[in-house]
Each structure stands twice: as C-alpha cells, then as structure tokens.
N, C-alpha and C. Protein backbone atom coordinates (compact mmCIF):
# COMPACT_ATOMS: atom_id res chain seq x y z
N MET A 1 9.15 -9.48 -5.62
CA MET A 1 8.68 -11.17 -6.60
C MET A 1 7.68 -10.59 -7.42
N LEU A 2 7.20 -9.65 -7.19
CA LEU A 2 6.57 -8.86 -8.93
C LEU A 2 7.04 -8.20 -9.40
N GLU A 3 8.31 -7.95 -8.81
CA GLU A 3 9.35 -6.72 -9.75
C GLU A 3 9.66 -7.22 -11.48
N ALA A 4 9.73 -7.92 -11.81
CA ALA A 4 9.88 -8.36 -13.51
C ALA A 4 8.76 -7.94 -13.66
N ILE A 5 7.82 -8.51 -13.07
CA ILE A 5 6.23 -8.33 -14.06
C ILE A 5 5.74 -6.90 -14.19
N LEU A 6 5.99 -5.97 -12.69
CA LEU A 6 5.39 -5.07 -12.97
C LEU A 6 6.55 -3.64 -13.57
N GLY A 7 7.70 -4.03 -13.21
CA GLY A 7 8.87 -3.52 -14.00
C GLY A 7 9.81 -2.30 -12.59
N SER A 8 9.31 -2.60 -11.52
CA SER A 8 9.86 -1.60 -10.19
C SER A 8 9.51 -2.18 -9.30
N ILE A 9 10.15 -2.07 -8.47
CA ILE A 9 10.10 -2.80 -6.54
C ILE A 9 9.80 -1.96 -6.04
N SER A 10 9.27 -0.85 -6.05
CA SER A 10 8.66 0.57 -5.71
C SER A 10 6.94 0.66 -6.38
N LYS A 11 6.91 -0.36 -7.29
CA LYS A 11 5.55 0.01 -7.60
C LYS A 11 4.86 -1.50 -6.73
N GLU A 12 5.74 -2.60 -6.75
CA GLU A 12 5.17 -4.01 -5.94
C GLU A 12 4.80 -3.16 -4.34
N ARG A 13 5.69 -2.48 -4.25
CA ARG A 13 5.78 -2.35 -2.63
C ARG A 13 4.51 -1.36 -2.56
N ILE A 14 4.05 -0.56 -3.20
CA ILE A 14 2.93 0.69 -3.24
C ILE A 14 1.98 -0.07 -4.14
N LEU A 15 1.78 -1.48 -4.53
CA LEU A 15 0.53 -1.86 -4.52
C LEU A 15 0.23 -3.25 -3.66
N ILE A 16 0.88 -3.74 -2.73
CA ILE A 16 1.31 -4.62 -1.59
C ILE A 16 0.51 -3.69 -0.82
N TYR A 17 1.12 -2.63 -0.20
CA TYR A 17 0.87 -1.57 0.75
C TYR A 17 -0.84 -1.58 0.35
N LEU A 18 -1.32 -0.94 -0.65
CA LEU A 18 -2.57 -0.53 -0.70
C LEU A 18 -3.60 -1.37 -0.65
N TYR A 19 -3.30 -2.33 -0.98
CA TYR A 19 -3.81 -3.91 -0.98
C TYR A 19 -4.22 -4.41 0.45
N SER A 20 -2.87 -4.32 1.13
CA SER A 20 -3.21 -4.66 2.30
C SER A 20 -3.91 -3.78 3.69
N ARG A 21 -3.74 -2.44 2.89
CA ARG A 21 -4.28 -1.57 4.18
C ARG A 21 -5.34 -0.61 3.46
N ASP A 22 -5.67 -1.01 2.36
CA ASP A 22 -6.66 0.00 1.96
C ASP A 22 -6.44 1.57 1.50
N LYS A 23 -5.95 2.23 2.22
CA LYS A 23 -5.49 3.25 1.47
C LYS A 23 -4.02 4.17 2.46
N GLY A 24 -3.18 4.46 1.86
CA GLY A 24 -2.05 5.30 2.74
C GLY A 24 -1.28 6.32 1.51
N TYR A 25 -0.58 7.16 2.13
CA TYR A 25 0.45 8.39 2.06
C TYR A 25 1.66 8.19 1.87
N ALA A 26 2.35 8.41 0.79
CA ALA A 26 3.79 8.30 0.43
C ALA A 26 4.87 8.23 1.27
N THR A 27 4.60 8.99 2.00
CA THR A 27 5.89 8.83 3.64
C THR A 27 5.33 7.77 4.42
N GLU A 28 4.28 7.33 4.36
CA GLU A 28 3.81 5.85 5.17
C GLU A 28 4.26 5.08 4.71
N ILE A 29 3.87 5.12 3.13
CA ILE A 29 4.55 3.57 2.52
C ILE A 29 6.16 3.25 2.38
N ALA A 30 6.87 4.78 2.07
CA ALA A 30 8.18 4.51 2.44
C ALA A 30 8.41 4.07 3.84
N LYS A 31 8.32 4.63 4.39
CA LYS A 31 8.75 4.82 6.26
C LYS A 31 8.66 2.81 6.48
N THR A 32 7.25 2.09 5.87
CA THR A 32 7.12 0.94 6.41
C THR A 32 8.13 -0.15 5.55
N PHE A 33 8.41 0.09 4.57
CA PHE A 33 9.50 -0.50 3.55
C PHE A 33 11.14 0.24 4.02
N ASN A 34 11.47 0.75 4.61
CA ASN A 34 12.25 1.38 5.06
C ASN A 34 13.44 2.12 3.85
N THR A 35 12.37 2.79 2.41
CA THR A 35 12.75 3.38 1.39
C THR A 35 13.37 5.06 1.38
N SER A 36 13.82 5.03 0.40
CA SER A 36 13.45 6.71 -0.02
C SER A 36 11.97 7.22 -0.30
N LEU A 37 11.95 8.31 -0.42
CA LEU A 37 10.35 8.81 -0.36
C LEU A 37 10.17 9.08 -2.00
N THR A 38 11.46 9.62 -2.39
CA THR A 38 11.09 9.76 -3.98
C THR A 38 10.83 8.86 -5.11
N PRO A 39 11.27 7.56 -4.94
CA PRO A 39 10.88 6.84 -6.04
C PRO A 39 9.35 6.35 -6.02
N ILE A 40 9.27 6.18 -4.47
CA ILE A 40 7.72 6.04 -3.92
C ILE A 40 6.34 6.83 -4.81
N GLN A 41 7.32 8.31 -4.88
CA GLN A 41 6.19 9.02 -5.21
C GLN A 41 6.19 9.22 -6.67
N LYS A 42 7.34 8.82 -7.53
CA LYS A 42 7.29 8.93 -8.76
C LYS A 42 6.64 7.80 -9.15
N GLN A 43 6.34 6.69 -8.59
CA GLN A 43 5.55 5.09 -8.95
C GLN A 43 4.05 6.00 -8.46
N LEU A 44 3.83 6.22 -7.59
CA LEU A 44 2.44 6.86 -7.43
C LEU A 44 2.04 7.58 -8.51
N GLU A 45 2.78 8.40 -8.54
CA GLU A 45 2.46 9.24 -9.82
C GLU A 45 2.28 8.66 -11.50
N ALA A 46 2.75 7.93 -11.46
CA ALA A 46 2.63 6.84 -12.89
C ALA A 46 1.49 5.78 -12.36
N LEU A 47 1.31 5.65 -11.25
CA LEU A 47 0.19 4.23 -11.03
C LEU A 47 -0.98 5.13 -11.38
N GLU A 48 -1.23 6.24 -10.77
CA GLU A 48 -2.35 7.41 -10.99
C GLU A 48 -2.43 7.48 -12.42
N GLN A 49 -1.30 7.88 -13.15
CA GLN A 49 -1.34 7.89 -14.46
C GLN A 49 -2.26 6.83 -15.04
N ALA A 50 -1.84 5.78 -14.84
CA ALA A 50 -2.26 4.88 -15.95
C ALA A 50 -3.87 4.17 -14.95
N ASN A 51 -4.29 5.50 -14.25
CA ASN A 51 -5.58 4.68 -13.63
C ASN A 51 -6.06 3.69 -12.81
N ILE A 52 -4.67 3.12 -12.23
CA ILE A 52 -4.64 2.10 -11.30
C ILE A 52 -4.98 2.36 -9.75
N ILE A 53 -4.36 3.11 -9.42
CA ILE A 53 -4.89 3.95 -8.17
C ILE A 53 -5.62 5.21 -8.50
N TYR A 54 -5.81 5.83 -7.44
CA TYR A 54 -6.34 7.09 -7.34
C TYR A 54 -5.98 7.91 -5.95
N CYS A 55 -6.07 9.23 -6.04
CA CYS A 55 -5.99 9.82 -4.93
C CYS A 55 -6.91 10.60 -4.35
N GLU A 56 -6.82 10.82 -3.12
CA GLU A 56 -7.95 12.29 -2.64
C GLU A 56 -7.02 12.95 -1.90
N PRO A 57 -7.06 14.66 -1.77
CA PRO A 57 -6.11 15.12 -0.84
C PRO A 57 -6.65 15.24 0.34
N GLN A 58 -6.48 15.04 1.67
CA GLN A 58 -6.89 14.86 2.76
C GLN A 58 -6.13 16.18 3.41
N GLY A 59 -6.39 17.12 3.47
CA GLY A 59 -5.98 18.58 3.75
C GLY A 59 -4.55 18.41 2.99
N ARG A 60 -3.36 18.69 3.80
CA ARG A 60 -2.32 19.01 2.97
C ARG A 60 -1.44 17.73 2.05
N THR A 61 -2.16 16.86 2.60
CA THR A 61 -2.00 14.95 2.21
C THR A 61 -2.48 14.38 0.88
N LEU A 62 -1.87 13.47 0.47
CA LEU A 62 -2.62 12.98 -1.32
C LEU A 62 -2.90 11.32 -0.28
N VAL A 63 -3.88 11.12 -0.46
CA VAL A 63 -4.34 9.53 0.30
C VAL A 63 -4.13 8.75 -0.92
N TYR A 64 -3.65 7.58 -0.97
CA TYR A 64 -3.85 6.82 -2.07
C TYR A 64 -4.71 5.66 -2.12
N ALA A 65 -5.19 5.44 -3.03
CA ALA A 65 -5.90 3.94 -2.79
C ALA A 65 -6.33 3.32 -4.39
N LEU A 66 -5.89 2.04 -4.07
CA LEU A 66 -6.62 1.40 -5.51
C LEU A 66 -7.76 2.06 -6.10
N ASN A 67 -7.98 1.96 -7.32
CA ASN A 67 -9.01 2.26 -7.97
C ASN A 67 -10.12 1.16 -8.37
N PRO A 68 -11.76 1.41 -8.04
CA PRO A 68 -12.13 0.43 -8.42
C PRO A 68 -12.66 0.00 -9.11
N ARG A 69 -12.54 1.18 -10.05
CA ARG A 69 -13.11 1.14 -11.68
C ARG A 69 -11.93 0.38 -12.44
N TYR A 70 -11.09 0.46 -11.74
CA TYR A 70 -9.37 -0.77 -12.88
C TYR A 70 -10.12 -1.75 -13.62
N PRO A 71 -10.06 -1.50 -14.66
CA PRO A 71 -10.69 -3.02 -15.77
C PRO A 71 -10.39 -4.14 -15.32
N PHE A 72 -8.84 -4.25 -14.37
CA PHE A 72 -8.80 -5.50 -13.93
C PHE A 72 -8.02 -5.96 -12.39
N ILE A 73 -9.35 -4.83 -11.90
CA ILE A 73 -8.59 -4.74 -10.52
C ILE A 73 -9.06 -6.39 -9.65
N ALA A 74 -9.90 -7.06 -10.17
CA ALA A 74 -10.25 -8.24 -9.70
C ALA A 74 -8.92 -9.15 -9.87
N GLU A 75 -8.63 -9.32 -11.09
CA GLU A 75 -7.34 -9.72 -11.32
C GLU A 75 -5.74 -9.32 -10.20
N LEU A 76 -6.23 -8.23 -10.73
CA LEU A 76 -4.91 -7.38 -9.70
C LEU A 76 -4.84 -7.72 -7.99
N LYS A 77 -6.00 -7.90 -7.69
CA LYS A 77 -5.83 -8.31 -5.85
C LYS A 77 -5.40 -9.87 -6.01
N LEU A 78 -6.16 -10.32 -6.81
CA LEU A 78 -5.84 -12.00 -6.83
C LEU A 78 -4.00 -12.27 -7.17
N LEU A 79 -3.22 -11.08 -7.28
CA LEU A 79 -2.40 -11.49 -8.10
C LEU A 79 -1.57 -11.27 -6.56
N LEU A 80 -1.91 -9.74 -6.31
CA LEU A 80 -1.44 -9.02 -5.24
C LEU A 80 -1.52 -9.90 -3.75
N GLN A 81 -2.71 -10.68 -3.82
CA GLN A 81 -2.86 -11.57 -2.64
C GLN A 81 -1.91 -12.81 -2.47
N LYS A 82 -1.68 -13.42 -3.71
CA LYS A 82 -0.98 -14.58 -4.22
C LYS A 82 0.45 -13.94 -3.70
N ALA A 83 1.25 -13.02 -4.13
CA ALA A 83 2.20 -12.32 -3.73
C ALA A 83 2.72 -12.21 -2.06
N LEU A 84 1.75 -11.56 -1.93
CA LEU A 84 1.66 -11.12 -0.06
C LEU A 84 1.79 -12.51 0.83
N SER A 85 1.08 -13.53 0.30
CA SER A 85 1.42 -15.17 1.20
C SER A 85 2.74 -15.30 1.26
N PHE A 86 3.72 -15.24 -0.03
CA PHE A 86 4.80 -14.97 -0.11
C PHE A 86 6.06 -14.42 0.52
N TYR A 87 5.81 -13.36 1.15
CA TYR A 87 6.34 -12.57 2.15
C TYR A 87 6.43 -13.16 3.25
N PRO A 88 7.62 -12.92 4.06
CA PRO A 88 7.89 -13.32 5.48
C PRO A 88 6.80 -13.11 6.13
N ALA A 89 6.21 -13.82 7.44
CA ALA A 89 5.32 -13.61 8.20
C ALA A 89 5.48 -12.59 8.63
N GLU A 90 6.43 -11.79 9.68
CA GLU A 90 6.70 -10.23 10.11
C GLU A 90 5.69 -9.28 9.45
N GLN A 91 6.63 -9.78 7.93
CA GLN A 91 6.13 -8.83 6.68
C GLN A 91 4.87 -8.19 6.85
N GLN A 92 4.21 -9.49 6.80
CA GLN A 92 3.26 -10.13 6.32
C GLN A 92 2.53 -9.59 7.52
N GLU A 93 2.75 -9.24 8.97
CA GLU A 93 1.78 -8.91 9.96
C GLU A 93 2.06 -7.65 9.86
N LEU A 94 3.04 -6.79 9.55
CA LEU A 94 3.28 -5.45 9.74
C LEU A 94 2.49 -4.87 8.75
N LEU A 95 2.23 -5.46 7.85
CA LEU A 95 1.59 -5.00 6.68
C LEU A 95 -0.04 -5.09 6.50
N MET A 96 -0.29 -5.81 7.47
CA MET A 96 -1.60 -6.10 7.65
C MET A 96 -2.44 -5.25 9.00
N MET A 97 -1.58 -5.05 9.70
CA MET A 97 -1.90 -4.37 10.84
C MET A 97 -2.33 -2.78 10.67
N ASN A 98 -4.01 -2.54 10.78
CA ASN A 98 -4.17 -1.04 10.05
C ASN A 98 -4.44 -0.58 11.08
N ARG A 99 -3.93 -0.52 12.59
CA ARG A 99 -3.67 0.95 13.42
C ARG A 99 -2.85 1.72 13.03
N ARG A 100 -3.33 3.20 13.41
CA ARG A 100 -2.66 4.28 12.82
C ARG A 100 -2.31 5.01 13.91
N ARG A 101 -2.84 4.82 15.22
CA ARG A 101 -2.40 5.60 16.13
C ARG A 101 -2.22 4.62 17.64
N PRO A 102 -1.42 5.35 18.62
CA PRO A 102 -1.43 4.41 19.79
C PRO A 102 -2.82 4.44 20.29
N ARG A 103 -2.85 3.15 21.19
CA ARG A 103 -3.84 2.84 21.97
C ARG A 103 -3.98 4.18 22.93
N ARG A 104 -5.07 4.61 23.28
CA ARG A 104 -5.20 5.33 24.65
C ARG A 104 -4.42 4.69 26.09
N GLN A 105 -3.96 5.31 26.97
CA GLN A 105 -3.20 4.99 28.26
C GLN A 105 -4.42 4.26 28.54
N GLY A 106 -4.88 3.42 29.89
CA GLY A 106 -5.54 3.18 30.88
C GLY A 106 -6.83 2.45 29.97
N LYS A 107 -7.26 2.50 28.70
CA LYS A 107 -8.06 1.85 27.99
C LYS A 107 -8.44 0.22 28.00
N PRO A 108 -9.50 -0.23 28.85
CA PRO A 108 -9.34 -1.60 28.80
C PRO A 108 -9.09 -2.48 27.60
N LEU A 109 -8.65 -3.64 27.65
CA LEU A 109 -9.21 -4.09 26.04
C LEU A 109 -10.25 -5.00 26.25
N THR A 110 -10.63 -4.99 25.20
CA THR A 110 -11.98 -5.90 24.70
C THR A 110 -11.43 -7.49 24.30
N LEU A 111 -12.51 -8.77 24.73
CA LEU A 111 -11.62 -9.63 23.65
C LEU A 111 -13.06 -10.10 23.29
C-alpha cells in the first residue's frame, strides 16, 4: 500500500509492525510477514540511519522502535494508521496482538 511512497515493501512492513506493536526485532518482523530476514535487516539499518527508528540492544538482540524525536512522527503515525486500516482483518488482528509468550497452563481467564 505504501510501497510506492516508501520505495520498499520491507520498509512498509517494518513501519506498520513498529506502529502496531511499539517495538520489535528483525526476526520477529520477518516471521510475522513470512519474508526473508536480509531485506528486513537492510531496511531497518536504512530507517535507523534516517533517524525514523532507533534500536536498543537487549542482550544479543537489537530491539527497534519508532523514534519519538523524529520531526514528522505524528504525521507518520497518522499515515501508518490509515494504511493499517486497509489491511485485511486477519492481518490487522495479527499485528495488534501483543502477546509474546503463551499463557501459563491452568492460569484463570479474567474478564
């Protein structure tokens, strides 16, 4: 959807992922979109060089997030929100699900 503007489908996927989940790492992003890791890593590097995203090391993993100091962050978030609304419902649900590990066995559900 934003590929024409951003110049890369990988950039679109990264930005949509980081917008919807707040942060993530390269392998997680690649697995979510069933794509190879190399283009995701290259675009993460390019987006970081442009100061659109930043990364923090957590152990041996680099965790990326949208840069709140980016001058056009508000406009970028509005654009990503609009683009996300055109994704299929199952893709939106997958992206909005923030659970990173399975529920403990026997844990009661709270309503």
